Amino acid sequence: MTVIGICLPVLVMILIGNICRRLKAVTAEGVRDMKIFAVNVGLSAVVLKAFADLSYTYKSVLVTALIFAMSLASFYLGKIFRIVLREKEEPQAYTSSVLSVYTVLSIIAFIVLLAVRA
């Protein structure tokens, strides 16, 4: 695809959103709900589509496993630092829930696609 073919739909959606905002066709609550949908559904769909289109080789499986291991290590390192620094309040629940949902979906997609392609 050309650059215009890729960028034009995004620019049109931004323009439509700007027009809707100026005409007050969408409330603030509606915008919030659209953002939640985009993050919870849209992002998951993009990740699953990326896994579906990936050609699996030894190197791609190794890179995916390393990224997962590094993400898991950084998650637990953050918990350790929280204990060491004696922070009493929990981090924002939204951040940890998005991380856990993303991680679980990535693992499930990876396992399913490996099983299907085998």
Protein backbone atom coordinates (compact mmCIF):
# COMPACT_ATOMS: atom_id res chain seq x y z
CA MET A 1 0.00 0.00 0.00
CA THR A 2 1.07 3.52 -0.56
CA VAL A 3 1.61 5.95 2.27
CA ILE A 4 -1.59 7.79 1.34
CA GLY A 5 -3.58 4.55 1.42
CA ILE A 6 -2.34 3.86 4.94
CA CYS A 7 -2.56 7.38 6.38
CA LEU A 8 -5.80 8.55 4.76
CA PRO A 9 -8.21 6.40 6.85
CA VAL A 10 -6.53 7.55 10.06
CA LEU A 11 -6.70 11.20 9.04
CA VAL A 12 -10.35 10.85 8.02
CA MET A 13 -11.20 9.30 11.41
CA ILE A 14 -9.41 12.15 13.20
CA LEU A 15 -11.32 14.67 11.08
CA ILE A 16 -14.67 12.96 11.80
CA GLY A 17 -13.86 12.92 15.52
CA ASN A 18 -12.98 16.61 15.43
CA ILE A 19 -16.25 17.45 13.65
CA CYS A 20 -18.27 15.36 16.15
CA ARG A 21 -16.57 17.12 19.05
CA ARG A 22 -17.29 20.57 17.61
CA LEU A 23 -20.93 19.67 16.96
CA LYS A 24 -21.14 18.10 20.42
CA ALA A 25 -22.49 14.91 18.85
CA VAL A 26 -20.51 12.79 21.31
CA THR A 27 -20.52 13.39 25.06
CA ALA A 28 -17.46 13.17 27.30
CA GLU A 29 -18.79 9.86 28.63
CA GLY A 30 -19.10 8.57 25.06
CA VAL A 31 -15.49 9.50 24.35
CA ARG A 32 -14.40 7.73 27.53
CA ASP A 33 -16.31 4.60 26.52
CA MET A 34 -14.76 4.66 23.05
CA LYS A 35 -11.29 4.90 24.58
CA ILE A 36 -12.03 1.91 26.83
CA PHE A 37 -13.29 -0.07 23.84
CA ALA A 38 -10.23 0.84 21.79
CA VAL A 39 -7.83 -0.27 24.52
CA ASN A 40 -9.65 -3.38 25.76
CA VAL A 41 -10.96 -4.75 22.46
CA GLY A 42 -9.06 -3.04 19.67
CA LEU A 43 -5.59 -3.50 21.11
CA SER A 44 -6.27 -7.16 21.88
CA ALA A 45 -7.51 -7.72 18.33
CA VAL A 46 -4.38 -6.09 16.89
CA VAL A 47 -2.14 -8.27 19.07
CA LEU A 48 -4.00 -11.45 18.08
CA LYS A 49 -3.88 -10.45 14.40
CA ALA A 50 -0.13 -9.83 14.67
CA PHE A 51 0.35 -13.29 16.18
CA ALA A 52 -1.82 -14.85 13.47
CA ASP A 53 0.20 -13.26 10.66
CA LEU A 54 3.59 -14.04 12.17
CA SER A 55 5.68 -16.68 10.47
CA TYR A 56 7.06 -18.81 13.25
CA THR A 57 10.72 -19.68 13.18
CA TYR A 58 13.13 -20.60 15.92
CA LYS A 59 14.27 -16.98 16.15
CA SER A 60 10.77 -15.51 16.39
CA VAL A 61 9.80 -17.95 19.15
CA LEU A 62 13.03 -17.14 21.00
CA VAL A 63 12.45 -13.38 20.72
CA THR A 64 8.85 -13.74 21.93
CA ALA A 65 9.94 -15.86 24.87
CA LEU A 66 12.68 -13.38 25.78
CA ILE A 67 10.27 -10.43 25.64
CA PHE A 68 7.81 -12.31 27.83
CA ALA A 69 10.57 -13.25 30.30
CA MET A 70 11.82 -9.66 30.44
CA SER A 71 8.27 -8.35 31.00
CA LEU A 72 7.71 -10.86 33.78
CA ALA A 73 11.08 -10.04 35.34
CA SER A 74 10.39 -6.31 35.26
CA PHE A 75 6.96 -6.87 36.81
CA TYR A 76 8.41 -8.80 39.74
CA LEU A 77 11.37 -6.42 40.01
CA GLY A 78 8.85 -3.62 40.50
CA LYS A 79 7.20 -5.59 43.30
CA ILE A 80 10.59 -6.16 44.95
CA PHE A 81 11.51 -2.46 44.67
CA ARG A 82 8.14 -1.57 46.19
CA ILE A 83 8.96 -3.73 49.21
CA VAL A 84 12.51 -2.40 49.47
CA LEU A 85 11.37 1.22 49.18
CA ARG A 86 8.53 0.51 51.64
CA GLU A 87 5.79 1.99 49.52
CA LYS A 88 2.48 1.40 51.22
CA GLU A 89 0.00 2.28 48.51
CA GLU A 90 -0.73 -0.01 45.63
CA PRO A 91 0.02 1.17 42.11
CA GLN A 92 -2.94 2.10 39.96
CA ALA A 93 -5.15 -0.93 39.43
CA TYR A 94 -5.77 -0.01 35.77
CA THR A 95 -2.10 -0.33 34.84
CA SER A 96 -1.66 -3.73 36.45
CA SER A 97 -4.95 -5.07 35.07
CA VAL A 98 -4.10 -3.97 31.52
CA LEU A 99 -0.65 -5.57 31.86
CA SER A 100 -2.11 -8.83 33.12
CA VAL A 101 -4.84 -8.95 30.45
CA TYR A 102 -2.32 -8.18 27.71
CA THR A 103 0.09 -10.81 29.01
CA VAL A 104 -2.56 -13.51 29.33
CA LEU A 105 -3.97 -12.78 25.87
CA SER A 106 -0.48 -12.85 24.36
CA ILE A 107 0.30 -16.22 25.96
CA ILE A 108 -3.03 -17.74 24.90
CA ALA A 109 -2.67 -16.44 21.35
CA PHE A 110 0.87 -17.72 21.11
CA ILE A 111 -0.02 -21.21 22.38
CA VAL A 112 -3.14 -21.50 20.20
CA LEU A 113 -1.37 -20.36 17.07
CA LEU A 114 1.56 -22.69 17.68
CA ALA A 115 -0.88 -25.58 18.12
CA VAL A 116 -2.81 -24.67 14.97
CA ARG A 117 0.26 -24.28 12.80
CA ALA A 118 1.90 -27.50 14.05
